[in-house]
């Protein structure tokens, strides 16, 4: 778990990452704090998401998005618009 914390800390710098037990099914609570020590984002993930490299990449991408939203640099409606635009560009088989 410590190596996951280090990987997340490196990927989400300059935010301070802390992992703690959460949930009733063994989930892990990931908290991101800014330089002032205030929690910016806090999410629960299951252990499988943090153990698998591919899923861990998705976790980091999601946390980056959540940071942008929490800081007001990205509106949730923009994400929805981008997803819809991507769906419209997919080739029809």
PDB file of N, CA and C in Angstrom:
ATOM      1  N   UNK A   1       0.833  -1.195   0.000  1.00  0.00           N
ATOM      2  CA  UNK A   1       0.000   0.000   0.000  1.00  0.00           C
ATOM      3  C   UNK A   1       0.871   1.249   0.000  1.00  0.00           C
ATOM      4  N   UNK A   2       2.034   1.149   0.620  1.00  0.00           N
ATOM      5  CA  UNK A   2       2.919   2.317   0.672  1.00  0.00           C
ATOM      6  C   UNK A   2       3.417   2.684  -0.720  1.00  0.00           C
ATOM      7  N   UNK A   3       3.692   1.674  -1.565  1.00  0.00           N
ATOM      8  CA  UNK A   3       4.160   1.961  -2.917  1.00  0.00           C
ATOM      9  C   UNK A   3       3.057   2.625  -3.741  1.00  0.00           C
ATOM     10  N   UNK A   4       1.801   2.240  -3.508  1.00  0.00           N
ATOM     11  CA  UNK A   4       0.683   2.885  -4.198  1.00  0.00           C
ATOM     12  C   UNK A   4       0.590   4.338  -3.767  1.00  0.00           C
ATOM     13  N   UNK A   5       0.768   4.592  -2.490  1.00  0.00           N
ATOM     14  CA  UNK A   5       0.736   5.957  -1.973  1.00  0.00           C
ATOM     15  C   UNK A   5       1.832   6.794  -2.611  1.00  0.00           C
ATOM     16  N   UNK A   6       3.013   6.228  -2.766  1.00  0.00           N
ATOM     17  CA  UNK A   6       4.118   6.953  -3.404  1.00  0.00           C
ATOM     18  C   UNK A   6       3.817   7.243  -4.872  1.00  0.00           C
ATOM     19  N   UNK A   7       3.261   6.250  -5.582  1.00  0.00           N
ATOM     20  CA  UNK A   7       2.913   6.445  -6.989  1.00  0.00           C
ATOM     21  C   UNK A   7       1.856   7.534  -7.145  1.00  0.00           C
ATOM     22  N   UNK A   8       0.826   7.480  -6.303  1.00  0.00           N
ATOM     23  CA  UNK A   8      -0.218   8.503  -6.364  1.00  0.00           C
ATOM     24  C   UNK A   8       0.344   9.876  -6.012  1.00  0.00           C
ATOM     25  N   UNK A   9       1.206   9.923  -5.006  1.00  0.00           N
ATOM     26  CA  UNK A   9       1.818  11.191  -4.606  1.00  0.00           C
ATOM     27  C   UNK A   9       2.633  11.809  -5.718  1.00  0.00           C
ATOM     28  N   UNK A  10       3.349  10.957  -6.443  1.00  0.00           N
ATOM     29  CA  UNK A  10       4.163  11.441  -7.560  1.00  0.00           C
ATOM     30  C   UNK A  10       3.274  11.911  -8.714  1.00  0.00           C
ATOM     31  N   UNK A  11       2.219  11.157  -9.008  1.00  0.00           N
ATOM     32  CA  UNK A  11       1.347  11.488 -10.126  1.00  0.00           C
ATOM     33  C   UNK A  11       0.475  12.709  -9.849  1.00  0.00           C
ATOM     34  N   UNK A  12       0.171  12.951  -8.577  1.00  0.00           N
ATOM     35  CA  UNK A  12      -0.760  14.028  -8.227  1.00  0.00           C
ATOM     36  C   UNK A  12      -0.088  15.204  -7.530  1.00  0.00           C
ATOM     37  N   UNK A  13       1.227  15.287  -7.657  1.00  0.00           N
ATOM     38  CA  UNK A  13       1.969  16.397  -7.072  1.00  0.00           C
ATOM     39  C   UNK A  13       1.443  17.697  -7.655  1.00  0.00           C
ATOM     40  N   UNK A  14       1.300  18.744  -6.921  1.00  0.00           N
ATOM     41  CA  UNK A  14       1.826  19.086  -5.609  1.00  0.00           C
ATOM     42  C   UNK A  14       0.883  18.737  -4.456  1.00  0.00           C
ATOM     43  N   UNK A  15      -0.180  17.988  -4.720  1.00  0.00           N
ATOM     44  CA  UNK A  15      -1.120  17.644  -3.662  1.00  0.00           C
ATOM     45  C   UNK A  15      -0.550  16.557  -2.773  1.00  0.00           C
ATOM     46  N   UNK A  16      -0.877  16.632  -1.494  1.00  0.00           N
ATOM     47  CA  UNK A  16      -0.466  15.612  -0.530  1.00  0.00           C
ATOM     48  C   UNK A  16      -1.504  14.504  -0.572  1.00  0.00           C
ATOM     49  N   UNK A  17      -1.053  13.273  -0.803  1.00  0.00           N
ATOM     50  CA  UNK A  17      -1.952  12.138  -0.923  1.00  0.00           C
ATOM     51  C   UNK A  17      -1.881  11.313   0.353  1.00  0.00           C
ATOM     52  N   UNK A  18      -3.047  10.963   0.881  1.00  0.00           N
ATOM     53  CA  UNK A  18      -3.070  10.044   2.016  1.00  0.00           C
ATOM     54  C   UNK A  18      -4.090   8.958   1.737  1.00  0.00           C
ATOM     55  N   UNK A  19      -3.727   7.732   2.110  1.00  0.00           N
ATOM     56  CA  UNK A  19      -4.599   6.579   1.958  1.00  0.00           C
ATOM     57  C   UNK A  19      -4.982   6.086   3.340  1.00  0.00           C
ATOM     58  N   UNK A  20      -6.248   5.781   3.507  1.00  0.00           N
ATOM     59  CA  UNK A  20      -6.704   5.233   4.781  1.00  0.00           C
ATOM     60  C   UNK A  20      -7.837   4.255   4.521  1.00  0.00           C
ATOM     61  N   UNK A  21      -8.052   3.329   5.461  1.00  0.00           N
ATOM     62  CA  UNK A  21      -9.152   2.379   5.279  1.00  0.00           C
ATOM     63  C   UNK A  21     -10.478   3.119   5.228  1.00  0.00           C
ATOM     64  N   UNK A  22     -11.372   2.637   4.411  1.00  0.00           N
ATOM     65  CA  UNK A  22     -12.686   3.256   4.313  1.00  0.00           C
ATOM     66  C   UNK A  22     -13.706   2.229   3.886  1.00  0.00           C
ATOM     67  N   UNK A  23     -14.950   2.491   4.115  1.00  0.00           N
ATOM     68  CA  UNK A  23     -16.007   1.595   3.680  1.00  0.00           C
ATOM     69  C   UNK A  23     -16.052   0.301   4.463  1.00  0.00           C
ATOM     70  N   UNK A  24     -17.107  -0.455   4.224  1.00  0.00           N
ATOM     71  CA  UNK A  24     -17.306  -1.717   4.941  1.00  0.00           C
ATOM     72  C   UNK A  24     -16.784  -2.915   4.178  1.00  0.00           C
ATOM     73  N   UNK A  25     -16.396  -2.722   2.939  1.00  0.00           N
ATOM     74  CA  UNK A  25     -15.918  -3.830   2.098  1.00  0.00           C
ATOM     75  C   UNK A  25     -14.430  -3.733   1.805  1.00  0.00           C
ATOM     76  N   UNK A  26     -13.702  -3.056   2.646  1.00  0.00           N
ATOM     77  CA  UNK A  26     -12.262  -2.951   2.475  1.00  0.00           C
ATOM     78  C   UNK A  26     -11.818  -1.900   1.487  1.00  0.00           C
ATOM     79  N   UNK A  27     -12.680  -0.952   1.177  1.00  0.00           N
ATOM     80  CA  UNK A  27     -12.284   0.118   0.271  1.00  0.00           C
ATOM     81  C   UNK A  27     -11.192   0.966   0.916  1.00  0.00           C
ATOM     82  N   UNK A  28     -10.547   1.740   0.066  1.00  0.00           N
ATOM     83  CA  UNK A  28      -9.483   2.619   0.529  1.00  0.00           C
ATOM     84  C   UNK A  28      -9.904   4.065   0.250  1.00  0.00           C
ATOM     85  N   UNK A  29      -9.786   4.907   1.247  1.00  0.00           N
ATOM     86  CA  UNK A  29     -10.126   6.321   1.106  1.00  0.00           C
ATOM     87  C   UNK A  29      -8.870   7.075   0.686  1.00  0.00           C
ATOM     88  N   UNK A  30      -8.952   7.739  -0.460  1.00  0.00           N
ATOM     89  CA  UNK A  30      -7.840   8.540  -0.978  1.00  0.00           C
ATOM     90  C   UNK A  30      -8.202  10.001  -0.764  1.00  0.00           C
ATOM     91  N   UNK A  31      -7.352  10.712  -0.026  1.00  0.00           N
ATOM     92  CA  UNK A  31      -7.566  12.131   0.250  1.00  0.00           C
ATOM     93  C   UNK A  31      -6.435  12.937  -0.369  1.00  0.00           C
ATOM     94  N   UNK A  32      -6.805  14.018  -1.032  1.00  0.00           N
ATOM     95  CA  UNK A  32      -5.820  14.928  -1.607  1.00  0.00           C
ATOM     96  C   UNK A  32      -5.942  16.264  -0.901  1.00  0.00           C
ATOM     97  N   UNK A  33      -4.815  16.736  -0.380  1.00  0.00           N
ATOM     98  CA  UNK A  33      -4.793  18.016   0.339  1.00  0.00           C
ATOM     99  C   UNK A  33      -3.916  19.002  -0.420  1.00  0.00           C
ATOM    100  N   UNK A  34      -4.316  20.272  -0.361  1.00  0.00           N
ATOM    101  CA  UNK A  34      -3.501  21.305  -0.992  1.00  0.00           C
ATOM    102  C   UNK A  34      -2.372  21.713  -0.054  1.00  0.00           C
ATOM    103  N   UNK A  35      -1.593  22.699  -0.451  1.00  0.00           N
ATOM    104  CA  UNK A  35      -0.432  23.107   0.351  1.00  0.00           C
ATOM    105  C   UNK A  35      -0.830  23.688   1.703  1.00  0.00           C
ATOM    106  N   UNK A  36      -2.078  24.127   1.837  1.00  0.00           N
ATOM    107  CA  UNK A  36      -2.568  24.649   3.117  1.00  0.00           C
ATOM    108  C   UNK A  36      -3.060  23.550   4.041  1.00  0.00           C
ATOM    109  N   UNK A  37      -3.136  22.325   3.523  1.00  0.00           N
ATOM    110  CA  UNK A  37      -3.615  21.202   4.326  1.00  0.00           C
ATOM    111  C   UNK A  37      -5.113  20.974   4.234  1.00  0.00           C
ATOM    112  N   UNK A  38      -5.795  21.749   3.386  1.00  0.00           N
ATOM    113  CA  UNK A  38      -7.236  21.583   3.214  1.00  0.00           C
ATOM    114  C   UNK A  38      -7.504  20.446   2.226  1.00  0.00           C
ATOM    115  N   UNK A  39      -8.496  19.616   2.521  1.00  0.00           N
ATOM    116  CA  UNK A  39      -8.857  18.521   1.624  1.00  0.00           C
ATOM    117  C   UNK A  39      -9.531  19.101   0.392  1.00  0.00           C
ATOM    118  N   UNK A  40      -8.980  18.765  -0.776  1.00  0.00           N
ATOM    119  CA  UNK A  40      -9.509  19.236  -2.044  1.00  0.00           C
ATOM    120  C   UNK A  40     -10.429  18.172  -2.644  1.00  0.00           C
ATOM    121  N   UNK A  41      -9.983  16.921  -2.581  1.00  0.00           N
ATOM    122  CA  UNK A  41     -10.743  15.796  -3.124  1.00  0.00           C
ATOM    123  C   UNK A  41     -10.596  14.617  -2.177  1.00  0.00           C
ATOM    124  N   UNK A  42     -11.698  13.896  -2.009  1.00  0.00           N
ATOM    125  CA  UNK A  42     -11.667  12.687  -1.184  1.00  0.00           C
ATOM    126  C   UNK A  42     -12.570  11.663  -1.864  1.00  0.00           C
ATOM    127  N   UNK A  43     -12.010  10.499  -2.199  1.00  0.00           N
ATOM    128  CA  UNK A  43     -12.764   9.457  -2.900  1.00  0.00           C
ATOM    129  C   UNK A  43     -12.411   8.083  -2.329  1.00  0.00           C
ATOM    130  N   UNK A  44     -13.385   7.171  -2.403  1.00  0.00           N
ATOM    131  CA  UNK A  44     -13.153   5.784  -2.011  1.00  0.00           C
ATOM    132  C   UNK A  44     -12.957   4.948  -3.266  1.00  0.00           C
ATOM    133  N   UNK A  45     -11.988   4.031  -3.208  1.00  0.00           N
ATOM    134  CA  UNK A  45     -11.717   3.106  -4.300  1.00  0.00           C
ATOM    135  C   UNK A  45     -11.569   1.715  -3.717  1.00  0.00           C
ATOM    136  N   UNK A  46     -11.917   0.704  -4.514  1.00  0.00           N
ATOM    137  CA  UNK A  46     -11.685  -0.643  -4.015  1.00  0.00           C
ATOM    138  C   UNK A  46     -10.220  -1.017  -4.252  1.00  0.00           C
ATOM    139  N   UNK A  47      -9.761  -1.999  -3.541  1.00  0.00           N
ATOM    140  CA  UNK A  47      -8.344  -2.389  -3.592  1.00  0.00           C
ATOM    141  C   UNK A  47      -7.911  -2.798  -5.000  1.00  0.00           C
ATOM    142  N   UNK A  48      -8.818  -3.434  -5.756  1.00  0.00           N
ATOM    143  CA  UNK A  48      -8.463  -3.887  -7.104  1.00  0.00           C
ATOM    144  C   UNK A  48      -8.098  -2.713  -8.003  1.00  0.00           C
ATOM    145  N   UNK A  49      -8.801  -1.598  -7.851  1.00  0.00           N
ATOM    146  CA  UNK A  49      -8.515  -0.420  -8.665  1.00  0.00           C
ATOM    147  C   UNK A  49      -7.123   0.139  -8.368  1.00  0.00           C
ATOM    148  N   UNK A  50      -6.679  -0.016  -7.152  1.00  0.00           N
ATOM    149  CA  UNK A  50      -5.372   0.528  -6.768  1.00  0.00           C
ATOM    150  C   UNK A  50      -4.244  -0.469  -7.010  1.00  0.00           C
ATOM    151  N   UNK A  51      -4.582  -1.719  -7.207  1.00  0.00           N
ATOM    152  CA  UNK A  51      -3.561  -2.755  -7.385  1.00  0.00           C
ATOM    153  C   UNK A  51      -3.224  -2.996  -8.853  1.00  0.00           C
ATOM    154  N   UNK A  52      -4.175  -2.774  -9.735  1.00  0.00           N
ATOM    155  CA  UNK A  52      -3.979  -3.016 -11.157  1.00  0.00           C
ATOM    156  C   UNK A  52      -3.470  -1.742 -11.833  1.00  0.00           C
ATOM    157  N   UNK A  53      -2.387  -1.853 -12.601  1.00  0.00           N
ATOM    158  CA  UNK A  53      -1.779  -0.664 -13.224  1.00  0.00           C
ATOM    159  C   UNK A  53      -2.738   0.061 -14.152  1.00  0.00           C
ATOM    160  N   UNK A  54      -3.491  -0.672 -14.934  1.00  0.00           N
ATOM    161  CA  UNK A  54      -4.415  -0.042 -15.881  1.00  0.00           C
ATOM    162  C   UNK A  54      -5.511   0.709 -15.121  1.00  0.00           C
ATOM    163  N   UNK A  55      -6.047   0.075 -14.086  1.00  0.00           N
ATOM    164  CA  UNK A  55      -7.092   0.729 -13.308  1.00  0.00           C
ATOM    165  C   UNK A  55      -6.540   1.892 -12.494  1.00  0.00           C
ATOM    166  N   UNK A  56      -5.293   1.770 -12.043  1.00  0.00           N
ATOM    167  CA  UNK A  56      -4.671   2.855 -11.293  1.00  0.00           C
ATOM    168  C   UNK A  56      -4.510   4.103 -12.170  1.00  0.00           C
ATOM    169  N   UNK A  57      -4.229   3.888 -13.441  1.00  0.00           N
ATOM    170  CA  UNK A  57      -4.157   5.008 -14.384  1.00  0.00           C
ATOM    171  C   UNK A  57      -5.505   5.704 -14.478  1.00  0.00           C
ATOM    172  N   UNK A  58      -6.579   4.912 -14.520  1.00  0.00           N
ATOM    173  CA  UNK A  58      -7.927   5.491 -14.552  1.00  0.00           C
ATOM    174  C   UNK A  58      -8.230   6.261 -13.273  1.00  0.00           C
ATOM    175  N   UNK A  59      -7.761   5.729 -12.138  1.00  0.00           N
ATOM    176  CA  UNK A  59      -7.957   6.410 -10.846  1.00  0.00           C
ATOM    177  C   UNK A  59      -7.272   7.773 -10.877  1.00  0.00           C
ATOM    178  N   UNK A  60      -6.034   7.809 -11.337  1.00  0.00           N
ATOM    179  CA  UNK A  60      -5.274   9.068 -11.393  1.00  0.00           C
ATOM    180  C   UNK A  60      -5.952  10.052 -12.344  1.00  0.00           C
ATOM    181  N   UNK A  61      -6.395   9.563 -13.511  1.00  0.00           N
ATOM    182  CA  UNK A  61      -7.089  10.442 -14.452  1.00  0.00           C
ATOM    183  C   UNK A  61      -8.354  11.022 -13.829  1.00  0.00           C
ATOM    184  N   UNK A  62      -9.101  10.180 -13.133  1.00  0.00           N
ATOM    185  CA  UNK A  62     -10.319  10.642 -12.475  1.00  0.00           C
ATOM    186  C   UNK A  62     -10.037  11.656 -11.383  1.00  0.00           C
ATOM    187  N   UNK A  63      -8.976  11.419 -10.619  1.00  0.00           N
ATOM    188  CA  UNK A  63      -8.614  12.362  -9.558  1.00  0.00           C
ATOM    189  C   UNK A  63      -8.146  13.697 -10.135  1.00  0.00           C
ATOM    190  N   UNK A  64      -7.420  13.654 -11.254  1.00  0.00           N
ATOM    191  CA  UNK A  64      -7.027  14.901 -11.929  1.00  0.00           C
ATOM    192  C   UNK A  64      -8.264  15.689 -12.342  1.00  0.00           C
ATOM    193  N   UNK A  65      -9.234  15.001 -12.925  1.00  0.00           N
ATOM    194  CA  UNK A  65     -10.480  15.651 -13.330  1.00  0.00           C
ATOM    195  C   UNK A  65     -11.203  16.232 -12.115  1.00  0.00           C
ATOM    196  N   UNK A  66     -11.262  15.453 -11.025  1.00  0.00           N
ATOM    197  CA  UNK A  66     -11.931  15.923  -9.810  1.00  0.00           C
ATOM    198  C   UNK A  66     -11.245  17.159  -9.233  1.00  0.00           C
ATOM    199  N   UNK A  67      -9.917  17.214  -9.325  1.00  0.00           N
ATOM    200  CA  UNK A  67      -9.172  18.384  -8.854  1.00  0.00           C
ATOM    201  C   UNK A  67      -9.557  19.611  -9.682  1.00  0.00           C
ATOM    202  N   UNK A  68      -9.586  19.440 -11.004  1.00  0.00           N
ATOM    203  CA  UNK A  68      -9.953  20.558 -11.879  1.00  0.00           C
ATOM    204  C   UNK A  68     -11.357  21.070 -11.559  1.00  0.00           C
ATOM    205  N   UNK A  69     -12.283  20.165 -11.303  1.00  0.00           N
ATOM    206  CA  UNK A  69     -13.646  20.559 -10.961  1.00  0.00           C
ATOM    207  C   UNK A  69     -13.669  21.259  -9.609  1.00  0.00           C
ATOM    208  N   UNK A  70     -12.979  20.665  -8.603  1.00  0.00           N
ATOM    209  CA  UNK A  70     -12.971  21.237  -7.252  1.00  0.00           C
ATOM    210  C   UNK A  70     -12.366  22.635  -7.234  1.00  0.00           C
ATOM    211  N   UNK A  71     -11.392  22.878  -8.091  1.00  0.00           N
ATOM    212  CA  UNK A  71     -10.743  24.187  -8.132  1.00  0.00           C
ATOM    213  C   UNK A  71     -11.448  25.159  -9.073  1.00  0.00           C
ATOM    214  N   UNK A  72     -12.532  24.718  -9.687  1.00  0.00           N
ATOM    215  CA  UNK A  72     -13.283  25.595 -10.572  1.00  0.00           C
ATOM    216  C   UNK A  72     -12.653  25.808 -11.925  1.00  0.00           C
ATOM    217  N   UNK A  73     -11.710  24.954 -12.301  1.00  0.00           N
ATOM    218  CA  UNK A  73     -11.048  25.111 -13.595  1.00  0.00           C
ATOM    219  C   UNK A  73     -11.730  24.299 -14.691  1.00  0.00           C
ATOM    220  N   UNK A  74     -12.711  23.483 -14.309  1.00  0.00           N
ATOM    221  CA  UNK A  74     -13.436  22.670 -15.271  1.00  0.00           C
ATOM    222  C   UNK A  74     -14.842  22.454 -14.736  1.00  0.00           C
ATOM    223  N   UNK A  75     -15.814  22.706 -15.554  1.00  0.00           N
ATOM    224  CA  UNK A  75     -17.208  22.537 -15.168  1.00  0.00           C
ATOM    225  C   UNK A  75     -17.671  21.134 -15.565  1.00  0.00           C
ATOM    226  N   UNK A  76     -18.457  20.466 -14.733  1.00  0.00           N
ATOM    227  CA  UNK A  76     -18.960  19.130 -15.084  1.00  0.00           C
ATOM    228  C   UNK A  76     -19.701  19.103 -16.418  1.00  0.00           C
ATOM    229  N   UNK A  77     -20.373  20.182 -16.782  1.00  0.00           N
ATOM    230  CA  UNK A  77     -21.096  20.210 -18.053  1.00  0.00           C
ATOM    231  C   UNK A  77     -20.122  20.156 -19.242  1.00  0.00           C
ATOM    232  N   UNK A  78     -18.915  20.658 -19.060  1.00  0.00           N
ATOM    233  CA  UNK A  78     -17.906  20.599 -20.122  1.00  0.00           C
ATOM    234  C   UNK A  78     -17.495  19.147 -20.351  1.00  0.00           C
ATOM    235  N   UNK A  79     -17.357  18.401 -19.281  1.00  0.00           N
ATOM    236  CA  UNK A  79     -17.008  16.978 -19.404  1.00  0.00           C
ATOM    237  C   UNK A  79     -18.091  16.248 -20.184  1.00  0.00           C
ATOM    238  N   UNK A  80     -19.352  16.508 -19.854  1.00  0.00           N
ATOM    239  CA  UNK A  80     -20.459  15.867 -20.561  1.00  0.00           C
ATOM    240  C   UNK A  80     -20.446  16.232 -22.040  1.00  0.00           C
ATOM    241  N   UNK A  81     -20.173  17.483 -22.346  1.00  0.00           N
ATOM    242  CA  UNK A  81     -20.121  17.920 -23.740  1.00  0.00           C
ATOM    243  C   UNK A  81     -18.979  17.232 -24.487  1.00  0.00           C
ATOM    244  N   UNK A  82     -17.827  17.109 -23.850  1.00  0.00           N
ATOM    245  CA  UNK A  82     -16.694  16.430 -24.485  1.00  0.00           C
ATOM    246  C   UNK A  82     -16.997  14.966 -24.743  1.00  0.00           C
ATOM    247  N   UNK A  83     -17.648  14.304 -23.794  1.00  0.00           N
ATOM    248  CA  UNK A  83     -18.016  12.893 -23.974  1.00  0.00           C
ATOM    249  C   UNK A  83     -18.994  12.748 -25.129  1.00  0.00           C
ATOM    250  N   UNK A  84     -19.984  13.619 -25.196  1.00  0.00           N
ATOM    251  CA  UNK A  84     -20.957  13.549 -26.290  1.00  0.00           C
ATOM    252  C   UNK A  84     -20.287  13.792 -27.633  1.00  0.00           C
ATOM    253  N   UNK A  85     -19.361  14.715 -27.693  1.00  0.00           N
ATOM    254  CA  UNK A  85     -18.643  14.997 -28.939  1.00  0.00           C
ATOM    255  C   UNK A  85     -17.825  13.782 -29.363  1.00  0.00           C
ATOM    256  N   UNK A  86     -17.205  13.107 -28.384  1.00  0.00           N
ATOM    257  CA  UNK A  86     -16.409  11.915 -28.693  1.00  0.00           C
ATOM    258  C   UNK A  86     -17.311  10.796 -29.208  1.00  0.00           C
ATOM    259  N   UNK A  87     -18.495  10.655 -28.633  1.00  0.00           N
ATOM    260  CA  UNK A  87     -19.429   9.628 -29.085  1.00  0.00           C
ATOM    261  C   UNK A  87     -19.895   9.901 -30.512  1.00  0.00           C
ATOM    262  N   UNK A  88     -20.088  11.163 -30.842  1.00  0.00           N
ATOM    263  CA  UNK A  88     -20.537  11.531 -32.178  1.00  0.00           C
ATOM    264  C   UNK A  88     -19.481  11.238 -33.240  1.00  0.00           C
ATOM    265  N   UNK A  89     -18.212  11.230 -32.856  1.00  0.00           N
ATOM    266  CA  UNK A  89     -17.124  11.018 -33.811  1.00  0.00           C
ATOM    267  C   UNK A  89     -16.779   9.545 -34.015  1.00  0.00           C
ATOM    268  N   UNK A  90     -17.355   8.652 -33.178  1.00  0.00           N
ATOM    269  CA  UNK A  90     -17.044   7.223 -33.318  1.00  0.00           C
ATOM    270  C   UNK A  90     -17.615   6.694 -34.619  1.00  0.00           C
ATOM    271  N   UNK A  91     -16.834   5.838 -35.320  1.00  0.00           N
ATOM    272  CA  UNK A  91     -17.349   5.277 -36.555  1.00  0.00           C
ATOM    273  C   UNK A  91     -18.476   4.282 -36.278  1.00  0.00           C
ATOM    274  N   UNK A  92     -19.443   4.270 -37.161  1.00  0.00           N
ATOM    275  CA  UNK A  92     -20.561   3.334 -37.045  1.00  0.00           C
ATOM    276  C   UNK A  92     -20.156   2.049 -37.742  1.00  0.00           C
ATOM    277  N   UNK A  93     -20.327   0.930 -37.072  1.00  0.00           N
ATOM    278  CA  UNK A  93     -19.935  -0.360 -37.661  1.00  0.00           C
ATOM    279  C   UNK A  93     -21.116  -1.080 -38.239  1.00  0.00           C
TER     280      UNK A  93
END
